[in-house]
Every structure is written in C-alpha cells, then in structure tokens.
Protein backbone atom coordinates (compact mmCIF):
# COMPACT_ATOMS: atom_id res chain seq x y z
CA MET A 1 112.33 2.77 -38.36
CA GLU A 2 114.98 4.42 -36.18
CA SER A 3 113.48 5.36 -32.82
CA GLY A 4 116.24 7.58 -31.50
CA PHE A 5 116.18 5.79 -28.13
CA ALA A 6 119.73 5.42 -26.82
CA GLY A 7 119.01 2.98 -23.97
CA LEU A 8 117.98 2.98 -20.32
CA THR A 9 120.02 5.12 -17.94
CA GLY A 10 120.41 5.35 -14.18
CA PHE A 11 120.91 1.64 -13.47
CA ASP A 12 124.23 0.40 -12.08
CA HIS A 13 123.77 -3.19 -13.26
CA PRO A 14 122.23 -5.06 -16.22
CA VAL A 15 118.48 -4.56 -16.14
CA ARG A 16 115.86 -7.30 -15.89
CA ALA A 17 112.73 -5.81 -17.45
CA VAL A 18 109.09 -6.90 -17.52
CA VAL A 19 106.63 -5.79 -20.18
CA ILE A 20 102.94 -6.50 -19.55
CA GLY A 21 100.87 -6.33 -22.72
CA ALA A 22 103.81 -7.21 -24.96
CA GLY A 23 101.48 -8.36 -27.71
CA GLY A 24 100.00 -4.88 -28.27
CA GLY A 25 101.30 -1.99 -30.35
CA ILE A 26 103.11 -0.03 -27.63
CA GLY A 27 104.03 -3.10 -25.59
CA SER A 28 105.64 -4.89 -28.53
CA ALA A 29 107.58 -1.74 -29.48
CA VAL A 30 108.83 -1.29 -25.90
CA THR A 31 109.87 -4.95 -25.88
CA ARG A 32 111.89 -4.58 -29.08
CA LEU A 33 113.65 -1.44 -27.84
CA LEU A 34 114.58 -3.09 -24.54
CA LEU A 35 115.86 -6.19 -26.32
CA ALA A 36 118.11 -3.97 -28.44
CA ASP A 37 119.49 -2.14 -25.38
CA PRO A 38 122.91 -3.53 -24.37
CA GLY A 39 122.19 -2.46 -20.79
CA VAL A 40 119.21 -4.82 -20.56
CA ALA A 41 120.06 -8.39 -19.62
CA GLU A 42 116.63 -9.94 -20.00
CA VAL A 43 113.11 -8.98 -21.06
CA LEU A 44 110.19 -10.91 -19.63
CA ALA A 45 107.44 -10.19 -22.15
CA PHE A 46 103.94 -11.16 -21.04
CA ALA A 47 100.87 -11.18 -23.28
CA ARG A 48 97.45 -12.83 -23.33
CA ARG A 49 98.55 -15.07 -26.20
CA PRO A 50 101.98 -16.44 -27.16
CA LEU A 51 104.16 -13.90 -28.93
CA ASP A 52 104.52 -14.69 -32.62
CA PRO A 53 107.25 -15.20 -33.60
CA ALA A 54 108.90 -14.96 -30.18
CA SER A 55 111.93 -16.93 -31.33
CA ALA A 56 112.88 -14.18 -33.80
CA LEU A 57 113.28 -11.55 -31.08
CA GLY A 58 116.53 -12.87 -29.67
CA PRO A 59 118.00 -14.81 -26.74
CA LYS A 60 117.30 -12.12 -24.13
CA LEU A 61 113.54 -12.62 -24.49
CA ARG A 62 111.56 -14.68 -22.00
CA PRO A 63 107.95 -14.79 -23.24
CA GLY A 64 105.04 -15.67 -20.99
CA ILE A 65 101.26 -15.59 -20.68
CA LEU A 66 99.43 -13.03 -18.53
CA ASP A 67 95.85 -11.76 -18.62
CA VAL A 68 95.27 -8.60 -16.55
CA THR A 69 91.66 -9.69 -15.95
CA ASP A 70 92.88 -12.91 -14.26
CA GLU A 71 94.71 -12.38 -10.97
CA ASP A 72 95.96 -15.96 -10.84
CA SER A 73 97.81 -15.46 -14.13
CA ILE A 74 99.35 -12.24 -12.78
CA ALA A 75 100.48 -13.99 -9.61
CA ARG A 76 102.00 -16.88 -11.56
CA ALA A 77 103.86 -14.47 -13.84
CA ALA A 78 105.25 -12.52 -10.89
CA GLU A 79 106.40 -15.70 -9.19
CA ALA A 80 108.13 -16.83 -12.37
CA ALA A 81 109.74 -13.42 -12.88
CA GLY A 82 111.59 -13.24 -9.58
CA SER A 83 113.53 -10.02 -8.92
CA VAL A 84 113.10 -7.35 -11.61
CA ASP A 85 114.23 -3.74 -12.13
CA LEU A 86 111.65 -2.37 -14.58
CA VAL A 87 107.95 -3.17 -14.96
CA PHE A 88 106.18 -1.55 -17.92
CA VAL A 89 102.40 -2.06 -18.07
CA ALA A 90 101.20 -1.42 -21.63
CA THR A 91 97.69 -2.86 -21.47
CA GLY A 92 94.54 -0.85 -22.16
CA LEU A 93 91.03 -0.91 -23.61
CA LEU A 94 89.06 1.90 -25.26
CA HIS A 95 86.60 0.06 -27.50
CA GLY A 96 85.66 -3.49 -28.35
CA ASP A 97 82.82 -5.96 -28.10
CA GLY A 98 80.03 -4.05 -26.36
CA VAL A 99 82.36 -1.17 -25.42
CA GLN A 100 82.44 2.21 -27.18
CA PRO A 101 83.39 5.69 -25.93
CA GLU A 102 80.21 7.43 -24.79
CA LYS A 103 79.27 10.77 -26.33
CA SER A 104 76.57 11.40 -23.71
CA TRP A 105 75.48 10.17 -20.29
CA ARG A 106 72.52 8.64 -22.11
CA SER A 107 74.91 6.04 -23.52
CA LEU A 108 76.27 4.87 -20.16
CA ASP A 109 76.19 1.11 -19.78
CA PRO A 110 77.19 -0.56 -16.50
CA GLN A 111 78.72 -3.66 -18.09
CA ALA A 112 80.81 -1.62 -20.50
CA MET A 113 82.03 0.59 -17.65
CA ALA A 114 82.89 -2.46 -15.56
CA THR A 115 84.92 -3.89 -18.43
CA LEU A 116 86.81 -0.61 -18.89
CA PHE A 117 87.62 -0.47 -15.18
CA GLN A 118 88.67 -4.12 -15.13
CA VAL A 119 91.22 -3.68 -17.92
CA ASN A 120 92.38 -0.08 -17.41
CA ALA A 121 92.43 0.24 -13.61
CA ILE A 122 91.93 -3.02 -11.73
CA GLY A 123 94.29 -5.00 -13.96
CA PRO A 124 97.26 -2.64 -13.52
CA ALA A 125 96.47 -2.42 -9.79
CA LEU A 126 96.78 -6.20 -9.52
CA VAL A 127 100.01 -6.11 -11.50
CA ALA A 128 101.30 -3.61 -8.93
CA LYS A 129 100.08 -5.87 -6.11
CA HIS A 130 102.16 -8.79 -7.34
CA PHE A 131 105.14 -7.08 -9.00
CA LEU A 132 106.06 -4.10 -6.81
CA ALA A 133 107.48 -6.42 -4.17
CA ARG A 134 109.78 -7.83 -6.88
CA LEU A 135 111.62 -4.52 -7.20
CA PRO A 136 114.95 -4.20 -5.33
CA ARG A 137 114.95 -2.38 -2.00
CA ARG A 138 117.94 -0.25 -2.98
CA GLY A 139 119.01 1.27 -6.28
CA ARG A 140 116.97 2.56 -9.20
CA SER A 141 113.84 0.66 -10.17
CA VAL A 142 110.80 1.62 -12.21
CA PHE A 143 107.12 0.71 -12.34
CA ALA A 144 105.30 2.49 -15.18
CA ALA A 145 101.79 2.09 -16.55
CA ILE A 146 100.23 3.48 -19.71
CA SER A 147 97.48 5.94 -18.80
CA ALA A 148 95.94 8.70 -20.94
CA LYS A 149 95.65 12.47 -20.91
CA VAL A 150 91.87 12.11 -21.10
CA GLY A 151 92.09 10.54 -17.63
CA SER A 152 93.24 13.88 -16.23
CA ILE A 153 90.34 15.47 -14.31
CA GLY A 154 91.99 18.89 -14.38
CA ASP A 155 92.53 18.75 -18.15
CA ASN A 156 88.98 17.64 -19.07
CA ARG A 157 87.51 20.34 -21.32
CA LEU A 158 85.46 18.30 -23.81
CA GLY A 159 83.47 15.80 -21.75
CA GLY A 160 82.33 12.46 -23.16
CA TRP A 161 84.18 9.15 -22.97
CA TYR A 162 82.88 8.65 -19.42
CA GLY A 163 84.02 5.10 -18.81
CA TYR A 164 87.49 5.39 -20.31
CA ARG A 165 88.17 8.76 -18.67
CA ALA A 166 87.02 7.50 -15.28
CA ALA A 167 89.01 4.25 -15.52
CA LYS A 168 92.20 6.08 -16.45
CA ALA A 169 91.60 8.63 -13.67
CA ALA A 170 91.29 5.68 -11.29
CA LEU A 171 94.57 4.28 -12.63
CA ASN A 172 96.28 7.62 -11.99
CA GLN A 173 95.05 7.52 -8.38
CA ILE A 174 96.23 3.91 -8.00
CA ILE A 175 99.69 4.87 -9.24
CA ARG A 176 99.82 7.87 -6.91
CA THR A 177 98.75 5.79 -3.90
CA ALA A 178 101.14 2.93 -4.71
CA SER A 179 104.02 5.37 -5.08
CA ILE A 180 103.53 6.57 -1.50
CA GLU A 181 103.60 3.05 -0.09
CA LEU A 182 106.48 2.01 -2.35
CA ALA A 183 108.66 4.88 -1.14
CA ARG A 184 108.56 3.54 2.41
CA THR A 185 110.50 0.40 1.54
CA ARG A 186 112.10 1.29 -1.81
CA PRO A 187 113.12 4.97 -1.63
CA ASP A 188 115.00 4.83 -4.94
CA ALA A 189 112.02 3.49 -6.90
CA LEU A 190 109.93 5.35 -9.46
CA CYS A 191 106.20 4.62 -9.89
CA VAL A 192 104.49 6.66 -12.62
CA ALA A 193 101.67 6.81 -15.16
CA LEU A 194 102.47 7.71 -18.78
CA HIS A 195 100.44 9.36 -21.54
CA PRO A 196 101.76 8.08 -24.88
CA GLY A 197 99.98 10.57 -27.14
CA THR A 198 97.90 9.24 -30.01
CA VAL A 199 99.59 6.11 -31.29
CA ASP A 200 98.84 4.36 -34.56
CA THR A 201 97.40 1.18 -33.09
CA GLY A 202 94.05 -0.58 -33.12
CA LEU A 203 93.05 1.27 -29.95
CA SER A 204 93.14 4.66 -31.66
CA LYS A 205 92.28 3.60 -35.22
CA PRO A 206 88.60 4.73 -35.22
CA PHE A 207 89.54 8.13 -33.73
CA GLN A 208 92.50 9.25 -35.82
CA ALA A 209 90.70 11.52 -38.28
CA GLY A 210 91.02 14.65 -36.14
CA VAL A 211 94.63 14.12 -35.07
CA ALA A 212 96.90 17.02 -36.02
CA ASP A 213 99.75 16.48 -38.46
CA GLY A 214 102.78 15.06 -36.74
CA LYS A 215 100.82 13.97 -33.65
CA LEU A 216 99.99 10.42 -34.72
CA PHE A 217 102.98 8.39 -33.58
CA PRO A 218 104.12 5.01 -34.89
CA PRO A 219 104.41 2.60 -31.93
CA GLU A 220 108.22 2.56 -32.16
CA ILE A 221 108.39 6.34 -31.80
CA SER A 222 105.89 6.42 -28.95
CA ALA A 223 107.79 3.68 -27.11
CA ALA A 224 111.06 5.58 -27.55
CA HIS A 225 109.45 8.78 -26.21
CA LEU A 226 108.13 6.99 -23.13
CA LEU A 227 111.37 5.20 -22.28
CA THR A 228 113.25 8.48 -22.76
CA VAL A 229 110.82 10.19 -20.36
CA LEU A 230 111.48 7.48 -17.78
CA ASN A 231 115.22 8.10 -18.13
CA GLY A 232 114.70 11.71 -17.10
CA LEU A 233 112.57 11.04 -14.00
CA THR A 234 113.75 10.58 -10.42
CA PRO A 235 112.08 9.24 -7.26
CA ALA A 236 110.96 12.81 -6.57
CA ASP A 237 108.67 12.46 -9.61
CA SER A 238 107.13 9.22 -8.34
CA GLY A 239 103.33 9.16 -8.39
CA GLY A 240 103.02 11.58 -11.30
CA LEU A 241 101.32 11.43 -14.69
CA PHE A 242 103.74 12.33 -17.50
CA ALA A 243 103.14 12.89 -21.21
CA TRP A 244 105.27 11.50 -24.02
CA ASN A 245 107.19 14.81 -24.19
CA GLY A 246 108.03 14.83 -20.48
CA GLU A 247 105.30 17.31 -19.49
CA ARG A 248 103.79 16.64 -16.08
CA LEU A 249 100.03 16.49 -16.45
CA PRO A 250 97.45 17.36 -13.77
CA TYR A 251 95.51 14.56 -12.16
C-alpha cells in the first residue's frame, strides 16, 4: 500500500533513527517507511522479540531487543545505539492478560492500573532517560512517543477507561517536562507526544465497531501521517500533543 510519505525533512545529514516497539503494528510500519527513506542512513529497530524476518528488511536495519518494562534492557540498547537523530517510541498497552478498559470506577483494579502505567508511562520515561542524551546538541533531532487522544484531560467527555486515560495523561506530562529540560542543552530538538488515531492493530481490534468510515487507518497510513506531522513541527512545538492530522490537542 502506498503511504504517501515522501521522507523526513529538516535534517542536514543522513539520519540515524531508533524505533522502540518495532514489532508492533505502528512501530513496524514506521520502521519500513524509514528504511525506504533515502535520507535515513540506519534504523535501529528494537522489539521485545527478534524481528521476523529482519533479514528481509534491508541492509540499513539494525535489529535489537528492548523491553520497556526492563530498564536494564533500555540502558543496554541506548549504549549500543550511540548517537542518534530520531527516537520514535511506538509501544503501548490497552488490554491484555488481566487488563481491560474500565467502564466504571467499580472495575478499577490496582494491578491492572500498575501494568498500564508501567507500559504506557514509565517505560517511555525510561526510554527518554537513556536516549535523550544520545541526541546531538546542535541541529534538528526528534524524540516522539505514541500517546492517545483519550489521554487528554481537557478533551475527556465520555469518562471510562480510567487506567489507560491516566497512563497516557501521565505520558503527556512526562513528554512536556522532558521537553523543558531538553531545550536547555539541545535547543534545536523536538520532544512530542503523538495521537495516531484509531489504527487497525491488535490494540484497537476489540473496539473498532463504532469507528466512523474512513477513520480506521491501516498501520502504514497511520505511520505516514505521524512522520509527516513530525516534518511540520519545530522546536517551538516541543512538549505538545499532536494528532495524526497535525492538530494540537489539549493536555
């Protein structure tokens, strides 16, 4: 499927990119688009399990193992990566073993909430801890993490989904706070959260019935939207939450 993505812009040298969560729907699509971009020199694609088949993705790919719930694996990956220009965090959890979006406060479960925070907020925070220092001190660089519109406190009109909403809201705050610190040493850097829309992946599969026509995106299209949004942002936008169509969303 043609994505329409023309390639990264704003960099004055070949880009070394990192994708965290490269085994997932959005992460794998972002990886493929970056590998096809002539302006990208290398893609370090990290996932919990070996990419299959990694060898078919081309010589620019450097696959690796990283689990966002294991700080040691994050630290090892960052050390192996060295200096990088783009870090794209595509990990996330909405439902799974013992975890389901809550319809009411009566369904709140502390272990499920802890798991959601571990994957959706603490994990990306630890990625930032170990990877932000790998960005160059001068020139364009990007740190982006997949968030969600339901994590916007100002946009919450429906309620429910307590744990996921709260974890993504925490991620938005982490991104905002990191962007302030990052600007002190890397004034040309961009640090943002991204809302991909509803993407046809396992994460959204049980919740697709009510999605409007034309609003369920294949991963390749969502990835192209998000990379295109990044192309249009500047350091003045750092710390923000942006939707797939470029709209700035409230925290």
